[in-house]
């Protein structure tokens, strides 16, 4: 890979992103890493197969429940590859990306690649915009004082305590991904949803068929609960620190692409363990600026992007993992403050 050494850019008003893009291209960081992806995907699939082999060997032993832990981690890795396929990071063909995405999303994870891709691309286009980013739209959780205003009953209780219950709620995300996917696909034209629904049906039959064939009903249900709860917690913990507590633009905000992506995103510092557990998405600023960049290249882009932002005077935030969670939870706690004051 080319070394990320380039000359300082010339910056003119309204074109802040173009010089940075030239630096990144000159460093070779937008080039495909198809061979590396092929190896990584092959290893992950092999490890998932080995885990399921372990499930079959242990059978009805209660020790089998411990295998739900590595399976949750490997399922999250599969979701990362589906995510990358949606961003066209892996190969040169859109059809191949769609195939990779559906095999990882629908078949291995049991969630709709099409639903995730649609939702995630809207997030990338307008991060942290409450009217345009589905990740900060009003729902079980709220992200602005305006969203929290007037909420009563169960929704009011959730808003008042959302910072405290955020991580417990993430344990439900693995189930929510399946439910939201099915609802999305059932609302699509049959010819568009047929392939995805077929792969999701295959996932459910193979997954629960294997569990109930190998284990007792009680063990099968408990294994599925542990697997999905840990999967949701792991996946949610990767995406949670990236934007919560950062700038939230509205329709009056006049930002260019670079400001829109950098000021709404936050990086998480860490070494190889953090990078692996978070799939490289702890370099969230770089990912948002260059969504088609292979994930493995994000850490090489980070010093280039940070230095460039410093040169042009754009705030660039990178914190430790715990500090990042603290910032997000603090924001959620403050959003519910008015409702708590009304008690």
Protein backbone atom coordinates (compact mmCIF):
# COMPACT_ATOMS: atom_id res chain seq x y z
CA UNK A 1 0.00 0.00 0.00
CA UNK A 2 1.29 3.48 -0.82
CA UNK A 3 2.50 5.52 2.14
CA UNK A 4 0.09 8.31 3.17
CA UNK A 5 2.56 11.13 2.47
CA UNK A 6 1.29 14.05 0.40
CA UNK A 7 1.78 17.79 0.14
CA UNK A 8 -0.49 20.18 2.08
CA UNK A 9 -3.58 21.07 0.06
CA UNK A 10 -4.65 24.45 -1.19
CA UNK A 11 -8.05 25.18 0.31
CA UNK A 12 -10.60 27.54 -1.18
CA UNK A 13 -13.99 28.43 0.22
CA UNK A 14 -16.67 25.88 -0.67
CA UNK A 15 -14.18 23.22 -1.79
CA UNK A 16 -12.76 21.98 1.53
CA UNK A 17 -13.38 18.33 0.70
CA UNK A 18 -11.72 18.21 -2.74
CA UNK A 19 -8.09 18.66 -1.55
CA UNK A 20 -8.58 16.00 1.14
CA UNK A 21 -10.02 13.62 -1.44
CA UNK A 22 -6.94 14.13 -3.59
CA UNK A 23 -4.69 13.29 -0.63
CA UNK A 24 -6.60 10.12 0.13
CA UNK A 25 -6.56 9.02 -3.51
CA UNK A 26 -2.84 9.73 -3.77
CA UNK A 27 -2.27 7.50 -0.74
CA UNK A 28 -4.09 4.66 -2.50
CA UNK A 29 -6.60 4.28 0.32
CA UNK A 30 -9.70 4.09 -1.88
CA UNK A 31 -8.39 1.10 -3.80
CA UNK A 32 -10.25 -2.21 -3.38
CA UNK A 33 -8.82 -4.88 -1.12
CA UNK A 34 -10.78 -7.76 -2.61
CA UNK A 35 -8.22 -10.45 -1.78
CA UNK A 36 -8.07 -9.35 1.87
CA UNK A 37 -11.85 -9.31 2.05
CA UNK A 38 -12.04 -12.78 0.51
CA UNK A 39 -9.69 -14.12 3.16
CA UNK A 40 -11.47 -12.33 6.03
CA UNK A 41 -14.91 -13.49 4.91
CA UNK A 42 -13.65 -17.05 4.44
CA UNK A 43 -12.15 -17.11 7.94
CA UNK A 44 -15.34 -15.75 9.50
CA UNK A 45 -17.52 -18.30 7.72
CA UNK A 46 -15.14 -21.09 8.72
CA UNK A 47 -15.24 -19.99 12.37
CA UNK A 48 -19.04 -19.82 12.29
CA UNK A 49 -19.13 -23.34 10.85
CA UNK A 50 -16.70 -24.53 13.54
CA UNK A 51 -18.89 -22.97 16.23
CA UNK A 52 -21.96 -24.74 14.90
CA UNK A 53 -19.94 -27.98 14.79
CA UNK A 54 -19.18 -27.40 18.46
CA UNK A 55 -22.90 -26.94 19.10
CA UNK A 56 -23.59 -30.27 17.42
CA UNK A 57 -20.83 -32.02 19.40
CA UNK A 58 -21.94 -30.68 22.78
CA UNK A 59 -25.54 -31.40 21.92
CA UNK A 60 -27.88 -31.21 24.88
CA UNK A 61 -25.11 -30.40 27.39
CA UNK A 62 -25.65 -27.10 29.18
CA UNK A 63 -22.07 -26.19 28.22
CA UNK A 64 -23.40 -25.58 24.72
CA UNK A 65 -24.83 -22.25 25.88
CA UNK A 66 -21.32 -20.81 26.15
CA UNK A 67 -20.96 -21.17 22.38
CA UNK A 68 -23.63 -18.49 21.98
CA UNK A 69 -20.90 -16.00 22.96
CA UNK A 70 -18.46 -16.59 20.05
CA UNK A 71 -21.43 -17.04 17.72
CA UNK A 72 -22.68 -13.55 18.67
CA UNK A 73 -19.24 -12.07 17.95
CA UNK A 74 -19.00 -13.87 14.59
CA UNK A 75 -22.54 -12.85 13.66
CA UNK A 76 -21.55 -9.24 14.29
CA UNK A 77 -18.56 -9.76 11.99
CA UNK A 78 -20.93 -11.05 9.32
CA UNK A 79 -23.05 -7.91 9.79
CA UNK A 80 -19.91 -5.82 9.24
CA UNK A 81 -19.30 -7.52 5.90
CA UNK A 82 -22.93 -6.91 4.91
CA UNK A 83 -22.43 -3.27 5.87
CA UNK A 84 -19.32 -3.06 3.69
CA UNK A 85 -21.13 -4.62 0.75
CA UNK A 86 -23.79 -1.92 1.02
CA UNK A 87 -21.06 0.71 0.73
CA UNK A 88 -19.50 -1.04 -2.31
CA UNK A 89 -16.18 -1.52 -0.50
CA UNK A 90 -15.36 -5.09 -1.46
CA UNK A 91 -15.39 -5.63 -5.24
CA UNK A 92 -16.12 -3.81 -8.48
CA UNK A 93 -19.62 -5.12 -9.22
CA UNK A 94 -22.84 -3.85 -7.68
CA UNK A 95 -24.53 -7.20 -8.32
CA UNK A 96 -21.73 -9.01 -6.50
CA UNK A 97 -22.01 -6.58 -3.61
CA UNK A 98 -25.75 -7.19 -3.41
CA UNK A 99 -25.16 -10.94 -3.38
CA UNK A 100 -22.53 -10.66 -0.64
CA UNK A 101 -24.81 -8.34 1.31
CA UNK A 102 -27.82 -10.65 1.14
CA UNK A 103 -25.80 -13.76 2.00
CA UNK A 104 -24.38 -12.05 5.07
CA UNK A 105 -27.42 -10.03 6.06
CA UNK A 106 -30.41 -12.19 5.17
CA UNK A 107 -28.92 -15.69 5.34
CA UNK A 108 -26.29 -15.47 8.09
CA UNK A 109 -27.82 -12.73 10.27
CA UNK A 110 -31.51 -13.10 9.46
CA UNK A 111 -32.00 -9.40 8.67
CA UNK A 112 -32.84 -7.60 5.44
CA UNK A 113 -29.87 -6.27 3.51
CA UNK A 114 -32.20 -4.01 1.52
CA UNK A 115 -33.80 -2.54 4.64
CA UNK A 116 -30.46 -1.93 6.33
CA UNK A 117 -28.93 -0.44 3.20
CA UNK A 118 -31.82 1.97 2.67
CA UNK A 119 -31.80 3.08 6.30
CA UNK A 120 -28.02 3.32 6.58
CA UNK A 121 -27.55 5.28 3.35
CA UNK A 122 -30.09 7.85 4.53
CA UNK A 123 -28.10 8.14 7.75
CA UNK A 124 -24.88 8.73 5.82
CA UNK A 125 -26.48 11.38 3.64
CA UNK A 126 -27.64 13.48 6.60
CA UNK A 127 -26.05 12.27 9.85
CA UNK A 128 -27.71 13.45 13.08
CA UNK A 129 -30.39 15.41 11.19
CA UNK A 130 -33.60 14.64 13.10
CA UNK A 131 -35.84 14.98 10.04
CA UNK A 132 -33.63 13.05 7.62
CA UNK A 133 -31.49 10.61 9.61
CA UNK A 134 -33.57 7.57 10.66
CA UNK A 135 -31.05 6.81 13.42
CA UNK A 136 -32.09 9.93 15.37
CA UNK A 137 -35.78 9.97 14.53
CA UNK A 138 -38.26 9.90 17.38
CA UNK A 139 -39.01 6.38 18.59
CA UNK A 140 -38.45 4.40 21.75
CA UNK A 141 -35.55 6.78 22.41
CA UNK A 142 -35.43 10.52 21.72
CA UNK A 143 -32.46 12.68 20.84
CA UNK A 144 -33.65 16.30 21.21
CA UNK A 145 -35.66 18.27 23.75
CA UNK A 146 -38.31 18.83 21.07
CA UNK A 147 -38.75 15.09 20.58
CA UNK A 148 -39.05 14.55 24.34
CA UNK A 149 -41.59 17.33 24.87
CA UNK A 150 -45.06 16.13 25.88
CA UNK A 151 -44.22 12.42 26.09
CA UNK A 152 -46.28 10.69 28.75
CA UNK A 153 -47.02 7.17 29.97
CA UNK A 154 -44.57 4.47 28.93
CA UNK A 155 -42.89 6.71 26.35
CA UNK A 156 -42.44 9.41 28.98
CA UNK A 157 -40.89 6.93 31.41
CA UNK A 158 -38.52 5.67 28.72
CA UNK A 159 -37.46 9.22 27.87
CA UNK A 160 -36.84 10.13 31.50
CA UNK A 161 -34.66 7.07 32.08
CA UNK A 162 -33.25 6.45 28.59
CA UNK A 163 -29.61 6.99 29.59
CA UNK A 164 -29.90 4.35 32.32
CA UNK A 165 -31.67 1.76 30.18
CA UNK A 166 -29.80 2.36 26.90
CA UNK A 167 -27.43 -0.61 27.13
CA UNK A 168 -30.13 -3.01 28.44
CA UNK A 169 -32.27 -1.95 25.48
CA UNK A 170 -29.46 -2.88 23.10
CA UNK A 171 -29.96 -6.52 24.09
CA UNK A 172 -33.27 -6.34 22.21
CA UNK A 173 -31.69 -4.98 19.02
CA UNK A 174 -30.93 -8.41 17.57
CA UNK A 175 -34.66 -9.22 17.65
CA UNK A 176 -35.63 -5.73 16.43
CA UNK A 177 -33.45 -6.14 13.33
CA UNK A 178 -35.42 -9.22 12.32
CA UNK A 179 -38.84 -7.72 13.04
CA UNK A 180 -38.05 -4.44 11.26
CA UNK A 181 -36.64 -6.35 8.30
CA UNK A 182 -39.74 -8.49 7.88
CA UNK A 183 -42.04 -5.47 8.17
CA UNK A 184 -39.99 -3.63 5.55
CA UNK A 185 -39.96 -6.53 3.10
CA UNK A 186 -43.67 -7.27 3.48
CA UNK A 187 -44.33 -3.67 2.45
CA UNK A 188 -42.25 -4.00 -0.72
CA UNK A 189 -43.47 -5.30 -4.10
CA UNK A 190 -43.32 -9.10 -4.11
CA UNK A 191 -40.89 -9.32 -7.02
CA UNK A 192 -38.43 -7.03 -5.19
CA UNK A 193 -38.67 -8.77 -1.84
CA UNK A 194 -38.86 -12.40 -3.02
CA UNK A 195 -35.12 -13.16 -2.85
CA UNK A 196 -34.60 -11.48 0.50
CA UNK A 197 -37.63 -13.11 2.09
CA UNK A 198 -36.51 -16.48 0.75
CA UNK A 199 -33.06 -16.12 2.30
CA UNK A 200 -34.51 -14.93 5.59
CA UNK A 201 -36.90 -17.88 5.64
CA UNK A 202 -33.95 -20.20 5.00
CA UNK A 203 -32.09 -18.59 7.89
CA UNK A 204 -34.98 -19.06 10.30
CA UNK A 205 -35.57 -22.68 9.25
CA UNK A 206 -31.90 -23.63 9.44
CA UNK A 207 -31.20 -21.72 12.64
CA UNK A 208 -34.15 -22.83 14.72
CA UNK A 209 -34.29 -26.25 13.03
CA UNK A 210 -30.69 -26.92 14.12
CA UNK A 211 -31.27 -25.64 17.66
CA UNK A 212 -34.42 -27.70 18.28
CA UNK A 213 -32.91 -30.77 16.61
CA UNK A 214 -29.75 -30.65 18.74
CA UNK A 215 -31.08 -29.32 22.06
CA UNK A 216 -34.09 -29.59 24.27
CA UNK A 217 -36.74 -26.89 23.63
CA UNK A 218 -35.73 -24.98 26.77
CA UNK A 219 -32.05 -25.02 25.87
CA UNK A 220 -32.81 -24.01 22.27
CA UNK A 221 -34.83 -20.99 23.37
CA UNK A 222 -32.20 -19.98 25.93
CA UNK A 223 -29.38 -20.34 23.37
CA UNK A 224 -31.28 -18.16 20.88
CA UNK A 225 -31.96 -15.54 23.57
CA UNK A 226 -28.31 -15.36 24.66
CA UNK A 227 -27.06 -15.29 21.07
CA UNK A 228 -29.41 -12.50 19.95
CA UNK A 229 -29.03 -10.43 23.12
CA UNK A 230 -25.22 -10.48 22.87
CA UNK A 231 -25.36 -9.84 19.12
CA UNK A 232 -27.58 -6.80 19.65
CA UNK A 233 -25.41 -5.52 22.49
CA UNK A 234 -22.18 -5.97 20.51
CA UNK A 235 -23.51 -4.42 17.29
CA UNK A 236 -25.23 -1.56 19.13
CA UNK A 237 -22.13 -0.86 21.21
CA UNK A 238 -20.14 -0.42 18.00
CA UNK A 239 -22.53 2.07 16.43
CA UNK A 240 -23.65 3.87 19.62
CA UNK A 241 -20.47 5.93 20.32
CA UNK A 242 -20.19 7.35 16.83
CA UNK A 243 -22.69 10.23 16.73
CA UNK A 244 -24.66 10.55 19.97
CA UNK A 245 -23.86 13.81 21.70
CA UNK A 246 -22.38 15.39 18.58
CA UNK A 247 -23.71 18.33 16.53
CA UNK A 248 -27.29 17.96 15.28
CA UNK A 249 -27.82 20.10 12.15
CA UNK A 250 -31.22 21.20 10.84
CA UNK A 251 -32.50 22.63 7.56
CA UNK A 252 -30.95 26.02 8.34
CA UNK A 253 -27.45 24.58 8.73
CA UNK A 254 -25.29 25.44 5.72
CA UNK A 255 -22.46 22.93 5.83
CA UNK A 256 -20.45 21.36 3.06
CA UNK A 257 -19.80 17.62 2.86
CA UNK A 258 -16.69 17.72 5.04
CA UNK A 259 -18.26 19.73 7.87
CA UNK A 260 -21.47 17.72 7.75
CA UNK A 261 -19.62 14.44 8.23
CA UNK A 262 -16.82 15.52 10.59
CA UNK A 263 -18.80 17.70 13.02
CA UNK A 264 -21.52 15.08 13.54
CA UNK A 265 -19.13 12.15 14.04
CA UNK A 266 -16.73 11.06 16.76
CA UNK A 267 -13.82 8.64 16.59
CA UNK A 268 -12.91 6.15 19.30
CA UNK A 269 -9.22 5.78 20.13
CA UNK A 270 -7.81 2.32 20.56
CA UNK A 271 -5.34 -0.29 19.50
CA UNK A 272 -5.72 -3.49 17.55
CA UNK A 273 -8.23 -5.02 20.01
CA UNK A 274 -10.54 -1.99 19.84
CA UNK A 275 -10.17 -1.84 16.07
CA UNK A 276 -11.07 -5.53 15.74
CA UNK A 277 -14.00 -5.51 18.15
CA UNK A 278 -15.45 -2.38 16.52
CA UNK A 279 -14.67 -3.59 13.02
CA UNK A 280 -12.62 -0.47 12.27
CA UNK A 281 -15.78 1.62 12.52
CA UNK A 282 -14.28 3.41 15.49
CA UNK A 283 -12.71 5.54 12.74
CA UNK A 284 -16.18 6.89 12.12
CA UNK A 285 -15.13 10.29 10.78
CA UNK A 286 -13.07 8.69 8.03
CA UNK A 287 -15.84 6.20 7.28
CA UNK A 288 -18.38 8.99 6.86
CA UNK A 289 -16.10 11.04 4.66
CA UNK A 290 -15.20 8.04 2.48
CA UNK A 291 -17.93 5.39 2.87
CA UNK A 292 -16.61 3.31 -0.04
CA UNK A 293 -13.14 3.07 1.54
CA UNK A 294 -12.34 -0.51 2.66
CA UNK A 295 -12.70 -0.68 6.45
CA UNK A 296 -9.14 -1.92 6.89
CA UNK A 297 -7.86 1.33 5.33
CA UNK A 298 -9.68 3.67 7.70
CA UNK A 299 -6.90 3.63 10.29
CA UNK A 300 -4.38 4.67 7.64
CA UNK A 301 -6.65 7.54 6.55
CA UNK A 302 -7.12 8.78 10.11
CA UNK A 303 -3.86 10.77 10.51
CA UNK A 304 -4.32 12.35 7.08
CA UNK A 305 -7.88 13.46 7.85
CA UNK A 306 -7.03 14.71 11.33
CA UNK A 307 -4.06 16.75 10.15
CA UNK A 308 -6.11 18.20 7.30
CA UNK A 309 -8.95 19.24 9.61
CA UNK A 310 -6.44 20.94 11.90
CA UNK A 311 -4.99 22.87 8.95
CA UNK A 312 -8.36 24.21 7.81
CA UNK A 313 -9.75 24.80 11.30
CA UNK A 314 -12.51 22.14 11.42
CA UNK A 315 -13.07 20.55 14.82
CA UNK A 316 -12.06 16.87 14.89
CA UNK A 317 -12.99 14.80 17.93
CA UNK A 318 -11.45 11.48 18.93
CA UNK A 319 -11.89 10.10 22.45
CA UNK A 320 -11.43 6.93 24.43
CA UNK A 321 -14.17 4.32 24.38
CA UNK A 322 -15.50 5.00 27.87
CA UNK A 323 -15.42 8.76 27.34
CA UNK A 324 -17.32 8.31 24.10
CA UNK A 325 -20.03 6.33 25.86
CA UNK A 326 -20.11 8.92 28.64
CA UNK A 327 -20.69 11.72 26.13
CA UNK A 328 -23.52 9.85 24.44
CA UNK A 329 -25.23 8.89 27.68
CA UNK A 330 -24.85 12.43 29.04
CA UNK A 331 -26.63 13.78 25.97
CA UNK A 332 -29.45 11.25 26.38
CA UNK A 333 -29.75 12.12 30.08
CA UNK A 334 -29.99 15.86 29.31
CA UNK A 335 -32.68 15.28 26.67
CA UNK A 336 -34.91 13.71 29.33
CA UNK A 337 -34.21 16.45 31.90
CA UNK A 338 -37.39 18.49 31.34
CA UNK A 339 -39.58 15.41 31.71
CA UNK A 340 -37.83 14.53 34.96
CA UNK A 341 -38.31 18.09 36.22
CA UNK A 342 -42.08 17.75 35.65
CA UNK A 343 -42.39 14.75 37.97
